[in-house]
Amino acid sequence: MKLIIAIIQPEELPAIKEELLKRSIHKFTVTNARGQGKEIPVQEVYRGISHEITLLKKVRMEIAVNDDFVDPAVEAITTVAKKDGEKGRGKIFILPIEECIRIRTGETGKDAIG
């Protein structure tokens, strides 16, 4: 069992979600995040005052999968997010999961992830 954490650009979320669903990966969590990569800080004007925005909008996806679904999940994300010559496409982290428990039924391990 693995936990895949992907930090992606917000505009890529709908296409990545569609790719995951095509690969029978239906369960994931999405949260808004702010972060700094190698991007150049953005200048914004608010009430006539210029501000440098260094923490840019990102999306954090968390996908808990059995080992058989790690490669398809990573392929779904990279198929959409990978664009040649552009910086700041995001990162994918893959972590081991020690245990998973489904609260409703008490199932554990691979059965709980589904």
PDB file of N, CA and C in Angstrom:
ATOM      1  N   MET A   1       0.847  -1.176   0.000  1.00  0.00           N
ATOM      2  CA  MET A   1       0.000   0.000   0.000  1.00  0.00           C
ATOM      3  C   MET A   1       0.887   1.233   0.000  1.00  0.00           C
ATOM      4  N   LYS A   2       0.498   2.215  -0.803  1.00  0.00           N
ATOM      5  CA  LYS A   2       1.276   3.438  -0.934  1.00  0.00           C
ATOM      6  C   LYS A   2       0.361   4.653  -0.859  1.00  0.00           C
ATOM      7  N   LEU A   3       0.929   5.767  -0.406  1.00  0.00           N
ATOM      8  CA  LEU A   3       0.259   7.054  -0.433  1.00  0.00           C
ATOM      9  C   LEU A   3       0.980   7.910  -1.458  1.00  0.00           C
ATOM     10  N   ILE A   4       0.270   8.329  -2.474  1.00  0.00           N
ATOM     11  CA  ILE A   4       0.831   9.189  -3.509  1.00  0.00           C
ATOM     12  C   ILE A   4       0.363  10.604  -3.224  1.00  0.00           C
ATOM     13  N   ILE A   5       1.318  11.503  -3.055  1.00  0.00           N
ATOM     14  CA  ILE A   5       1.008  12.916  -2.848  1.00  0.00           C
ATOM     15  C   ILE A   5       1.532  13.656  -4.073  1.00  0.00           C
ATOM     16  N   ALA A   6       0.644  14.347  -4.759  1.00  0.00           N
ATOM     17  CA  ALA A   6       1.034  15.106  -5.945  1.00  0.00           C
ATOM     18  C   ALA A   6       0.705  16.575  -5.730  1.00  0.00           C
ATOM     19  N   ILE A   7       1.689  17.426  -5.976  1.00  0.00           N
ATOM     20  CA  ILE A   7       1.483  18.870  -5.945  1.00  0.00           C
ATOM     21  C   ILE A   7       1.431  19.309  -7.406  1.00  0.00           C
ATOM     22  N   ILE A   8       0.282  19.813  -7.835  1.00  0.00           N
ATOM     23  CA  ILE A   8       0.069  20.116  -9.247  1.00  0.00           C
ATOM     24  C   ILE A   8      -0.462  21.534  -9.422  1.00  0.00           C
ATOM     25  N   GLN A   9      -0.495  21.970 -10.677  1.00  0.00           N
ATOM     26  CA  GLN A   9      -1.084  23.262 -11.012  1.00  0.00           C
ATOM     27  C   GLN A   9      -2.611  23.140 -10.977  1.00  0.00           C
ATOM     28  N   PRO A  10      -3.320  24.149 -10.423  1.00  0.00           N
ATOM     29  CA  PRO A  10      -4.782  24.048 -10.292  1.00  0.00           C
ATOM     30  C   PRO A  10      -5.521  23.798 -11.602  1.00  0.00           C
ATOM     31  N   GLU A  11      -5.046  24.381 -12.692  1.00  0.00           N
ATOM     32  CA  GLU A  11      -5.762  24.232 -13.962  1.00  0.00           C
ATOM     33  C   GLU A  11      -5.661  22.818 -14.529  1.00  0.00           C
ATOM     34  N   GLU A  12      -4.761  22.002 -14.006  1.00  0.00           N
ATOM     35  CA  GLU A  12      -4.602  20.636 -14.500  1.00  0.00           C
ATOM     36  C   GLU A  12      -5.461  19.620 -13.751  1.00  0.00           C
ATOM     37  N   LEU A  13      -6.109  20.038 -12.678  1.00  0.00           N
ATOM     38  CA  LEU A  13      -6.895  19.111 -11.854  1.00  0.00           C
ATOM     39  C   LEU A  13      -8.000  18.386 -12.643  1.00  0.00           C
ATOM     40  N   PRO A  14      -8.850  19.066 -13.418  1.00  0.00           N
ATOM     41  CA  PRO A  14      -9.909  18.325 -14.125  1.00  0.00           C
ATOM     42  C   PRO A  14      -9.375  17.243 -15.062  1.00  0.00           C
ATOM     43  N   ALA A  15      -8.311  17.535 -15.792  1.00  0.00           N
ATOM     44  CA  ALA A  15      -7.762  16.543 -16.723  1.00  0.00           C
ATOM     45  C   ALA A  15      -7.103  15.384 -15.982  1.00  0.00           C
ATOM     46  N   ILE A  16      -6.429  15.667 -14.871  1.00  0.00           N
ATOM     47  CA  ILE A  16      -5.813  14.596 -14.076  1.00  0.00           C
ATOM     48  C   ILE A  16      -6.888  13.715 -13.459  1.00  0.00           C
ATOM     49  N   LYS A  17      -7.938  14.327 -12.956  1.00  0.00           N
ATOM     50  CA  LYS A  17      -9.052  13.556 -12.391  1.00  0.00           C
ATOM     51  C   LYS A  17      -9.633  12.615 -13.444  1.00  0.00           C
ATOM     52  N   GLU A  18      -9.821  13.110 -14.652  1.00  0.00           N
ATOM     53  CA  GLU A  18     -10.354  12.288 -15.742  1.00  0.00           C
ATOM     54  C   GLU A  18      -9.418  11.118 -16.062  1.00  0.00           C
ATOM     55  N   GLU A  19      -8.111  11.379 -16.099  1.00  0.00           N
ATOM     56  CA  GLU A  19      -7.131  10.313 -16.362  1.00  0.00           C
ATOM     57  C   GLU A  19      -7.144   9.262 -15.255  1.00  0.00           C
ATOM     58  N   LEU A  20      -7.266   9.691 -14.001  1.00  0.00           N
ATOM     59  CA  LEU A  20      -7.329   8.733 -12.889  1.00  0.00           C
ATOM     60  C   LEU A  20      -8.563   7.848 -13.009  1.00  0.00           C
ATOM     61  N   LEU A  21      -9.690   8.445 -13.327  1.00  0.00           N
ATOM     62  CA  LEU A  21     -10.930   7.671 -13.461  1.00  0.00           C
ATOM     63  C   LEU A  21     -10.840   6.663 -14.605  1.00  0.00           C
ATOM     64  N   LYS A  22     -10.159   7.028 -15.701  1.00  0.00           N
ATOM     65  CA  LYS A  22      -9.963   6.091 -16.820  1.00  0.00           C
ATOM     66  C   LYS A  22      -9.168   4.868 -16.382  1.00  0.00           C
ATOM     67  N   ARG A  23      -8.303   5.041 -15.384  1.00  0.00           N
ATOM     68  CA  ARG A  23      -7.449   3.942 -14.907  1.00  0.00           C
ATOM     69  C   ARG A  23      -8.040   3.263 -13.661  1.00  0.00           C
ATOM     70  N   SER A  24      -9.340   3.456 -13.432  1.00  0.00           N
ATOM     71  CA  SER A  24     -10.071   2.842 -12.313  1.00  0.00           C
ATOM     72  C   SER A  24      -9.533   3.257 -10.952  1.00  0.00           C
ATOM     73  N   ILE A  25      -9.063   4.490 -10.853  1.00  0.00           N
ATOM     74  CA  ILE A  25      -8.644   5.051  -9.568  1.00  0.00           C
ATOM     75  C   ILE A  25      -9.683   6.103  -9.213  1.00  0.00           C
ATOM     76  N   HIS A  26     -10.580   5.739  -8.284  1.00  0.00           N
ATOM     77  CA  HIS A  26     -11.747   6.565  -7.991  1.00  0.00           C
ATOM     78  C   HIS A  26     -11.644   7.311  -6.671  1.00  0.00           C
ATOM     79  N   LYS A  27     -10.726   6.908  -5.797  1.00  0.00           N
ATOM     80  CA  LYS A  27     -10.691   7.471  -4.445  1.00  0.00           C
ATOM     81  C   LYS A  27      -9.446   8.320  -4.264  1.00  0.00           C
ATOM     82  N   PHE A  28      -9.650   9.617  -4.083  1.00  0.00           N
ATOM     83  CA  PHE A  28      -8.537  10.526  -3.832  1.00  0.00           C
ATOM     84  C   PHE A  28      -9.059  11.757  -3.112  1.00  0.00           C
ATOM     85  N   THR A  29      -8.155  12.485  -2.513  1.00  0.00           N
ATOM     86  CA  THR A  29      -8.482  13.695  -1.779  1.00  0.00           C
ATOM     87  C   THR A  29      -7.757  14.857  -2.432  1.00  0.00           C
ATOM     88  N   VAL A  30      -8.442  15.985  -2.534  1.00  0.00           N
ATOM     89  CA  VAL A  30      -7.861  17.172  -3.148  1.00  0.00           C
ATOM     90  C   VAL A  30      -7.999  18.341  -2.181  1.00  0.00           C
ATOM     91  N   THR A  31      -6.908  19.078  -1.968  1.00  0.00           N
ATOM     92  CA  THR A  31      -6.938  20.270  -1.129  1.00  0.00           C
ATOM     93  C   THR A  31      -6.196  21.399  -1.835  1.00  0.00           C
ATOM     94  N   ASN A  32      -6.596  22.616  -1.533  1.00  0.00           N
ATOM     95  CA  ASN A  32      -5.882  23.783  -2.045  1.00  0.00           C
ATOM     96  C   ASN A  32      -4.629  23.989  -1.217  1.00  0.00           C
ATOM     97  N   ALA A  33      -3.578  24.400  -1.874  1.00  0.00           N
ATOM     98  CA  ALA A  33      -2.315  24.635  -1.180  1.00  0.00           C
ATOM     99  C   ALA A  33      -1.650  25.863  -1.787  1.00  0.00           C
ATOM    100  N   ARG A  34      -0.681  26.381  -1.082  1.00  0.00           N
ATOM    101  CA  ARG A  34       0.157  27.463  -1.597  1.00  0.00           C
ATOM    102  C   ARG A  34       1.590  27.014  -1.442  1.00  0.00           C
ATOM    103  N   GLY A  35       2.411  27.346  -2.425  1.00  0.00           N
ATOM    104  CA  GLY A  35       3.787  26.895  -2.348  1.00  0.00           C
ATOM    105  C   GLY A  35       4.718  27.719  -3.211  1.00  0.00           C
ATOM    106  N   GLN A  36       5.983  27.490  -3.004  1.00  0.00           N
ATOM    107  CA  GLN A  36       7.033  28.172  -3.751  1.00  0.00           C
ATOM    108  C   GLN A  36       7.943  27.139  -4.376  1.00  0.00           C
ATOM    109  N   GLY A  37       8.095  27.228  -5.667  1.00  0.00           N
ATOM    110  CA  GLY A  37       9.038  26.395  -6.384  1.00  0.00           C
ATOM    111  C   GLY A  37      10.079  27.296  -7.012  1.00  0.00           C
ATOM    112  N   LYS A  38      10.447  26.993  -8.237  1.00  0.00           N
ATOM    113  CA  LYS A  38      11.424  27.816  -8.942  1.00  0.00           C
ATOM    114  C   LYS A  38      10.775  28.956  -9.723  1.00  0.00           C
ATOM    115  N   GLU A  39       9.453  29.105  -9.582  1.00  0.00           N
ATOM    116  CA  GLU A  39       8.761  30.144 -10.322  1.00  0.00           C
ATOM    117  C   GLU A  39       9.235  31.525  -9.896  1.00  0.00           C
ATOM    118  N   ILE A  40       9.187  32.442 -10.821  1.00  0.00           N
ATOM    119  CA  ILE A  40       9.515  33.835 -10.512  1.00  0.00           C
ATOM    120  C   ILE A  40       8.345  34.401  -9.720  1.00  0.00           C
ATOM    121  N   PRO A  41       8.598  35.135  -8.640  1.00  0.00           N
ATOM    122  CA  PRO A  41       7.481  35.724  -7.889  1.00  0.00           C
ATOM    123  C   PRO A  41       6.604  36.602  -8.780  1.00  0.00           C
ATOM    124  N   VAL A  42       5.319  36.612  -8.480  1.00  0.00           N
ATOM    125  CA  VAL A  42       4.331  37.343  -9.261  1.00  0.00           C
ATOM    126  C   VAL A  42       4.047  38.682  -8.585  1.00  0.00           C
ATOM    127  N   GLN A  43       3.935  39.743  -9.377  1.00  0.00           N
ATOM    128  CA  GLN A  43       3.584  41.060  -8.856  1.00  0.00           C
ATOM    129  C   GLN A  43       2.081  41.277  -9.021  1.00  0.00           C
ATOM    130  N   GLU A  44       1.393  41.627  -7.927  1.00  0.00           N
ATOM    131  CA  GLU A  44      -0.028  41.948  -7.982  1.00  0.00           C
ATOM    132  C   GLU A  44      -0.233  43.310  -7.353  1.00  0.00           C
ATOM    133  N   VAL A  45      -1.262  44.014  -7.811  1.00  0.00           N
ATOM    134  CA  VAL A  45      -1.594  45.322  -7.248  1.00  0.00           C
ATOM    135  C   VAL A  45      -2.911  45.183  -6.508  1.00  0.00           C
ATOM    136  N   TYR A  46      -2.902  45.566  -5.231  1.00  0.00           N
ATOM    137  CA  TYR A  46      -4.096  45.527  -4.395  1.00  0.00           C
ATOM    138  C   TYR A  46      -4.279  46.903  -3.774  1.00  0.00           C
ATOM    139  N   ARG A  47      -5.402  47.541  -4.075  1.00  0.00           N
ATOM    140  CA  ARG A  47      -5.701  48.886  -3.584  1.00  0.00           C
ATOM    141  C   ARG A  47      -4.573  49.867  -3.888  1.00  0.00           C
ATOM    142  N   GLY A  48      -4.037  49.745  -5.085  1.00  0.00           N
ATOM    143  CA  GLY A  48      -3.019  50.663  -5.541  1.00  0.00           C
ATOM    144  C   GLY A  48      -1.617  50.395  -5.038  1.00  0.00           C
ATOM    145  N   ILE A  49      -1.438  49.346  -4.268  1.00  0.00           N
ATOM    146  CA  ILE A  49      -0.115  49.014  -3.727  1.00  0.00           C
ATOM    147  C   ILE A  49       0.353  47.708  -4.352  1.00  0.00           C
ATOM    148  N   SER A  50       1.589  47.724  -4.876  1.00  0.00           N
ATOM    149  CA  SER A  50       2.156  46.535  -5.500  1.00  0.00           C
ATOM    150  C   SER A  50       2.677  45.574  -4.437  1.00  0.00           C
ATOM    151  N   HIS A  51       2.316  44.294  -4.584  1.00  0.00           N
ATOM    152  CA  HIS A  51       2.755  43.249  -3.659  1.00  0.00           C
ATOM    153  C   HIS A  51       3.440  42.145  -4.441  1.00  0.00           C
ATOM    154  N   GLU A  52       4.479  41.580  -3.868  1.00  0.00           N
ATOM    155  CA  GLU A  52       5.140  40.436  -4.483  1.00  0.00           C
ATOM    156  C   GLU A  52       4.549  39.168  -3.872  1.00  0.00           C
ATOM    157  N   ILE A  53       3.966  38.329  -4.719  1.00  0.00           N
ATOM    158  CA  ILE A  53       3.356  37.081  -4.265  1.00  0.00           C
ATOM    159  C   ILE A  53       4.372  35.964  -4.507  1.00  0.00           C
ATOM    160  N   THR A  54       4.901  35.407  -3.424  1.00  0.00           N
ATOM    161  CA  THR A  54       5.889  34.336  -3.578  1.00  0.00           C
ATOM    162  C   THR A  54       5.273  32.955  -3.364  1.00  0.00           C
ATOM    163  N   LEU A  55       4.163  32.892  -2.655  1.00  0.00           N
ATOM    164  CA  LEU A  55       3.481  31.609  -2.466  1.00  0.00           C
ATOM    165  C   LEU A  55       2.338  31.530  -3.468  1.00  0.00           C
ATOM    166  N   LEU A  56       2.507  30.690  -4.470  1.00  0.00           N
ATOM    167  CA  LEU A  56       1.543  30.591  -5.555  1.00  0.00           C
ATOM    168  C   LEU A  56       0.532  29.479  -5.294  1.00  0.00           C
ATOM    169  N   LYS A  57      -0.632  29.585  -5.940  1.00  0.00           N
ATOM    170  CA  LYS A  57      -1.695  28.600  -5.757  1.00  0.00           C
ATOM    171  C   LYS A  57      -1.299  27.270  -6.380  1.00  0.00           C
ATOM    172  N   LYS A  58      -1.498  26.204  -5.626  1.00  0.00           N
ATOM    173  CA  LYS A  58      -1.237  24.832  -6.058  1.00  0.00           C
ATOM    174  C   LYS A  58      -2.414  23.970  -5.614  1.00  0.00           C
ATOM    175  N   VAL A  59      -2.434  22.734  -6.074  1.00  0.00           N
ATOM    176  CA  VAL A  59      -3.399  21.740  -5.614  1.00  0.00           C
ATOM    177  C   VAL A  59      -2.619  20.542  -5.110  1.00  0.00           C
ATOM    178  N   ARG A  60      -3.033  20.009  -3.965  1.00  0.00           N
ATOM    179  CA  ARG A  60      -2.404  18.825  -3.389  1.00  0.00           C
ATOM    180  C   ARG A  60      -3.396  17.667  -3.511  1.00  0.00           C
ATOM    181  N   MET A  61      -2.982  16.637  -4.225  1.00  0.00           N
ATOM    182  CA  MET A  61      -3.799  15.427  -4.355  1.00  0.00           C
ATOM    183  C   MET A  61      -3.175  14.335  -3.511  1.00  0.00           C
ATOM    184  N   GLU A  62      -3.988  13.616  -2.769  1.00  0.00           N
ATOM    185  CA  GLU A  62      -3.533  12.463  -1.997  1.00  0.00           C
ATOM    186  C   GLU A  62      -4.323  11.255  -2.477  1.00  0.00           C
ATOM    187  N   ILE A  63      -3.591  10.220  -2.872  1.00  0.00           N
ATOM    188  CA  ILE A  63      -4.209   9.017  -3.414  1.00  0.00           C
ATOM    189  C   ILE A  63      -3.614   7.815  -2.685  1.00  0.00           C
ATOM    190  N   ALA A  64      -4.421   7.102  -1.921  1.00  0.00           N
ATOM    191  CA  ALA A  64      -3.976   5.878  -1.258  1.00  0.00           C
ATOM    192  C   ALA A  64      -4.356   4.708  -2.160  1.00  0.00           C
ATOM    193  N   VAL A  65      -3.355   3.918  -2.555  1.00  0.00           N
ATOM    194  CA  VAL A  65      -3.599   2.824  -3.496  1.00  0.00           C
ATOM    195  C   VAL A  65      -2.864   1.559  -3.066  1.00  0.00           C
ATOM    196  N   ASN A  66      -3.377   0.426  -3.547  1.00  0.00           N
ATOM    197  CA  ASN A  66      -2.630  -0.821  -3.416  1.00  0.00           C
ATOM    198  C   ASN A  66      -1.461  -0.760  -4.402  1.00  0.00           C
ATOM    199  N   ASP A  67      -0.462  -1.575  -4.174  1.00  0.00           N
ATOM    200  CA  ASP A  67       0.776  -1.512  -4.957  1.00  0.00           C
ATOM    201  C   ASP A  67       0.551  -1.635  -6.465  1.00  0.00           C
ATOM    202  N   ASP A  68      -0.467  -2.389  -6.884  1.00  0.00           N
ATOM    203  CA  ASP A  68      -0.744  -2.575  -8.312  1.00  0.00           C
ATOM    204  C   ASP A  68      -1.170  -1.284  -9.011  1.00  0.00           C
ATOM    205  N   PHE A  69      -1.637  -0.301  -8.251  1.00  0.00           N
ATOM    206  CA  PHE A  69      -2.168   0.925  -8.844  1.00  0.00           C
ATOM    207  C   PHE A  69      -1.202   2.100  -8.763  1.00  0.00           C
ATOM    208  N   VAL A  70       0.000   1.904  -8.237  1.00  0.00           N
ATOM    209  CA  VAL A  70       0.964   3.004  -8.118  1.00  0.00           C
ATOM    210  C   VAL A  70       1.367   3.517  -9.494  1.00  0.00           C
ATOM    211  N   ASP A  71       1.818   2.631 -10.365  1.00  0.00           N
ATOM    212  CA  ASP A  71       2.267   3.052 -11.697  1.00  0.00           C
ATOM    213  C   ASP A  71       1.144   3.694 -12.515  1.00  0.00           C
ATOM    214  N   PRO A  72      -0.068   3.113 -12.556  1.00  0.00           N
ATOM    215  CA  PRO A  72      -1.142   3.779 -13.302  1.00  0.00           C
ATOM    216  C   PRO A  72      -1.484   5.173 -12.754  1.00  0.00           C
ATOM    217  N   ALA A  73      -1.432   5.345 -11.439  1.00  0.00           N
ATOM    218  CA  ALA A  73      -1.729   6.661 -10.849  1.00  0.00           C
ATOM    219  C   ALA A  73      -0.667   7.679 -11.242  1.00  0.00           C
ATOM    220  N   VAL A  74       0.599   7.284 -11.163  1.00  0.00           N
ATOM    221  CA  VAL A  74       1.690   8.186 -11.535  1.00  0.00           C
ATOM    222  C   VAL A  74       1.612   8.524 -13.022  1.00  0.00           C
ATOM    223  N   GLU A  75       1.316   7.538 -13.855  1.00  0.00           N
ATOM    224  CA  GLU A  75       1.181   7.780 -15.295  1.00  0.00           C
ATOM    225  C   GLU A  75       0.038   8.753 -15.590  1.00  0.00           C
ATOM    226  N   ALA A  76      -1.068   8.623 -14.875  1.00  0.00           N
ATOM    227  CA  ALA A  76      -2.206   9.523 -15.087  1.00  0.00           C
ATOM    228  C   ALA A  76      -1.811  10.966 -14.788  1.00  0.00           C
ATOM    229  N   ILE A  77      -1.086  11.165 -13.717  1.00  0.00           N
ATOM    230  CA  ILE A  77      -0.676  12.523 -13.332  1.00  0.00           C
ATOM    231  C   ILE A  77       0.351  13.077 -14.312  1.00  0.00           C
ATOM    232  N   THR A  78       1.366  12.280 -14.622  1.00  0.00           N
ATOM    233  CA  THR A  78       2.437  12.788 -15.483  1.00  0.00           C
ATOM    234  C   THR A  78       1.990  12.966 -16.930  1.00  0.00           C
ATOM    235  N   THR A  79       1.029  12.169 -17.390  1.00  0.00           N
ATOM    236  CA  THR A  79       0.513  12.324 -18.756  1.00  0.00           C
ATOM    237  C   THR A  79      -0.056  13.719 -18.965  1.00  0.00           C
ATOM    238  N   VAL A  80      -0.769  14.212 -17.971  1.00  0.00           N
ATOM    239  CA  VAL A  80      -1.398  15.529 -18.075  1.00  0.00           C
ATOM    240  C   VAL A  80      -0.424  16.649 -17.718  1.00  0.00           C
ATOM    241  N   ALA A  81       0.290  16.500 -16.612  1.00  0.00           N
ATOM    242  CA  ALA A  81       1.084  17.598 -16.071  1.00  0.00           C
ATOM    243  C   ALA A  81       2.414  17.823 -16.773  1.00  0.00           C
ATOM    244  N   LYS A  82       2.926  16.826 -17.461  1.00  0.00           N
ATOM    245  CA  LYS A  82       4.249  16.935 -18.083  1.00  0.00           C
ATOM    246  C   LYS A  82       4.156  17.721 -19.388  1.00  0.00           C
ATOM    247  N   LYS A  83       4.823  18.843 -19.414  1.00  0.00           N
ATOM    248  CA  LYS A  83       4.860  19.666 -20.622  1.00  0.00           C
ATOM    249  C   LYS A  83       6.301  20.095 -20.822  1.00  0.00           C
ATOM    250  N   ASP A  84       6.854  19.777 -21.973  1.00  0.00           N
ATOM    251  CA  ASP A  84       8.260  20.067 -22.247  1.00  0.00           C
ATOM    252  C   ASP A  84       8.548  21.558 -22.188  1.00  0.00           C
ATOM    253  N   GLY A  85       9.693  21.896 -21.598  1.00  0.00           N
ATOM    254  CA  GLY A  85      10.179  23.259 -21.605  1.00  0.00           C
ATOM    255  C   GLY A  85       9.544  24.193 -20.599  1.00  0.00           C
ATOM    256  N   GLU A  86       8.618  23.719 -19.792  1.00  0.00           N
ATOM    257  CA  GLU A  86       7.978  24.591 -18.811  1.00  0.00           C
ATOM    258  C   GLU A  86       8.430  24.225 -17.412  1.00  0.00           C
ATOM    259  N   LYS A  87       8.711  25.231 -16.610  1.00  0.00           N
ATOM    260  CA  LYS A  87       9.080  24.996 -15.214  1.00  0.00           C
ATOM    261  C   LYS A  87       7.819  24.913 -14.368  1.00  0.00           C
ATOM    262  N   GLY A  88       7.976  24.387 -13.161  1.00  0.00           N
ATOM    263  CA  GLY A  88       6.888  24.417 -12.201  1.00  0.00           C
ATOM    264  C   GLY A  88       5.733  23.495 -12.503  1.00  0.00           C
ATOM    265  N   ARG A  89       6.002  22.287 -12.989  1.00  0.00           N
ATOM    266  CA  ARG A  89       4.927  21.359 -13.292  1.00  0.00           C
ATOM    267  C   ARG A  89       4.447  20.629 -12.055  1.00  0.00           C
ATOM    268  N   GLY A  90       5.227  20.603 -10.986  1.00  0.00           N
ATOM    269  CA  GLY A  90       4.801  19.967  -9.746  1.00  0.00           C
ATOM    270  C   GLY A  90       5.730  18.848  -9.321  1.00  0.00           C
ATOM    271  N   LYS A  91       5.309  18.132  -8.289  1.00  0.00           N
ATOM    272  CA  LYS A  91       6.080  17.020  -7.733  1.00  0.00           C
ATOM    273  C   LYS A  91       5.131  15.898  -7.364  1.00  0.00           C
ATOM    274  N   ILE A  92       5.686  14.676  -7.362  1.00  0.00           N
ATOM    275  CA  ILE A  92       4.948  13.501  -6.896  1.00  0.00           C
ATOM    276  C   ILE A  92       5.807  12.822  -5.841  1.00  0.00           C
ATOM    277  N   PHE A  93       5.207  12.549  -4.691  1.00  0.00           N
ATOM    278  CA  PHE A  93       5.879  11.834  -3.611  1.00  0.00           C
ATOM    279  C   PHE A  93       5.139  10.520  -3.382  1.00  0.00           C
ATOM    280  N   ILE A  94       5.877   9.433  -3.195  1.00  0.00           N
ATOM    281  CA  ILE A  94       5.266   8.125  -2.947  1.00  0.00           C
ATOM    282  C   ILE A  94       5.783   7.624  -1.608  1.00  0.00           C
ATOM    283  N   LEU A  95       4.850   7.395  -0.684  1.00  0.00           N
ATOM    284  CA  LEU A  95       5.185   6.986   0.682  1.00  0.00           C
ATOM    285  C   LEU A  95       4.544   5.642   1.007  1.00  0.00           C
ATOM    286  N   PRO A  96       5.203   4.827   1.811  1.00  0.00           N
ATOM    287  CA  PRO A  96       4.570   3.569   2.228  1.00  0.00           C
ATOM    288  C   PRO A  96       3.472   3.837   3.259  1.00  0.00           C
ATOM    289  N   ILE A  97       2.447   3.008   3.239  1.00  0.00           N
ATOM    290  CA  ILE A  97       1.379   3.074   4.242  1.00  0.00           C
ATOM    291  C   ILE A  97       1.520   1.848   5.136  1.00  0.00           C
ATOM    292  N   GLU A  98       1.648   2.073   6.410  1.00  0.00           N
ATOM    293  CA  GLU A  98       1.780   0.947   7.348  1.00  0.00           C
ATOM    294  C   GLU A  98       0.472   0.203   7.514  1.00  0.00           C
ATOM    295  N   GLU A  99      -0.628   0.941   7.639  1.00  0.00           N
ATOM    296  CA  GLU A  99      -1.917   0.302   7.873  1.00  0.00           C
ATOM    297  C   GLU A  99      -3.024   1.210   7.386  1.00  0.00           C
ATOM    298  N   CYS A 100      -4.128   0.607   6.980  1.00  0.00           N
ATOM    299  CA  CYS A 100      -5.325   1.333   6.579  1.00  0.00           C
ATOM    300  C   CYS A 100      -6.517   0.631   7.225  1.00  0.00           C
ATOM    301  N   ILE A 101      -7.396   1.408   7.813  1.00  0.00           N
ATOM    302  CA  ILE A 101      -8.584   0.846   8.470  1.00  0.00           C
ATOM    303  C   ILE A 101      -9.814   1.579   7.952  1.00  0.00           C
ATOM    304  N   ARG A 102     -10.772   0.831   7.425  1.00  0.00           N
ATOM    305  CA  ARG A 102     -12.040   1.427   7.002  1.00  0.00           C
ATOM    306  C   ARG A 102     -12.915   1.558   8.248  1.00  0.00           C
ATOM    307  N   ILE A 103     -13.282   2.755   8.587  1.00  0.00           N
ATOM    308  CA  ILE A 103     -13.997   3.020   9.835  1.00  0.00           C
ATOM    309  C   ILE A 103     -15.349   2.317   9.882  1.00  0.00           C
ATOM    310  N   ARG A 104     -16.108   2.370   8.792  1.00  0.00           N
ATOM    311  CA  ARG A 104     -17.456   1.816   8.781  1.00  0.00           C
ATOM    312  C   ARG A 104     -17.491   0.324   9.049  1.00  0.00           C
ATOM    313  N   THR A 105     -16.573  -0.449   8.424  1.00  0.00           N
ATOM    314  CA  THR A 105     -16.633  -1.908   8.510  1.00  0.00           C
ATOM    315  C   THR A 105     -15.545  -2.529   9.373  1.00  0.00           C
ATOM    316  N   GLY A 106     -14.511  -1.764   9.660  1.00  0.00           N
ATOM    317  CA  GLY A 106     -13.405  -2.316  10.426  1.00  0.00           C
ATOM    318  C   GLY A 106     -12.406  -3.095   9.567  1.00  0.00           C
ATOM    319  N   GLU A 107     -12.608  -3.132   8.243  1.00  0.00           N
ATOM    320  CA  GLU A 107     -11.663  -3.811   7.358  1.00  0.00           C
ATOM    321  C   GLU A 107     -10.290  -3.154   7.470  1.00  0.00           C
ATOM    322  N   THR A 108      -9.249  -3.955   7.265  1.00  0.00           N
ATOM    323  CA  THR A 108      -7.900  -3.422   7.343  1.00  0.00           C
ATOM    324  C   THR A 108      -7.090  -3.795   6.099  1.00  0.00           C
ATOM    325  N   GLY A 109      -5.960  -3.126   5.920  1.00  0.00           N
ATOM    326  CA  GLY A 109      -5.027  -3.454   4.848  1.00  0.00           C
ATOM    327  C   GLY A 109      -5.571  -3.176   3.464  1.00  0.00           C
ATOM    328  N   LYS A 110      -5.237  -4.055   2.527  1.00  0.00           N
ATOM    329  CA  LYS A 110      -5.593  -3.879   1.116  1.00  0.00           C
ATOM    330  C   LYS A 110      -7.103  -3.812   0.912  1.00  0.00           C
ATOM    331  N   ASP A 111      -7.848  -4.567   1.710  1.00  0.00           N
ATOM    332  CA  ASP A 111      -9.312  -4.553   1.577  1.00  0.00           C
ATOM    333  C   ASP A 111      -9.903  -3.192   1.946  1.00  0.00           C
ATOM    334  N   ALA A 112      -9.275  -2.522   2.894  1.00  0.00           N
ATOM    335  CA  ALA A 112      -9.787  -1.225   3.341  1.00  0.00           C
ATOM    336  C   ALA A 112      -9.548  -0.133   2.303  1.00  0.00           C
ATOM    337  N   ILE A 113      -8.441  -0.207   1.579  1.00  0.00           N
ATOM    338  CA  ILE A 113      -8.169   0.805   0.564  1.00  0.00           C
ATOM    339  C   ILE A 113      -9.115   0.656  -0.611  1.00  0.00           C
ATOM    340  N   GLY A 114      -9.409  -0.576  -0.985  1.00  0.00           N
ATOM    341  CA  GLY A 114     -10.351  -0.824  -2.054  1.00  0.00           C
ATOM    342  C   GLY A 114      -9.707  -0.811  -3.364  1.00  0.00           C
TER     343      GLY A 114
END
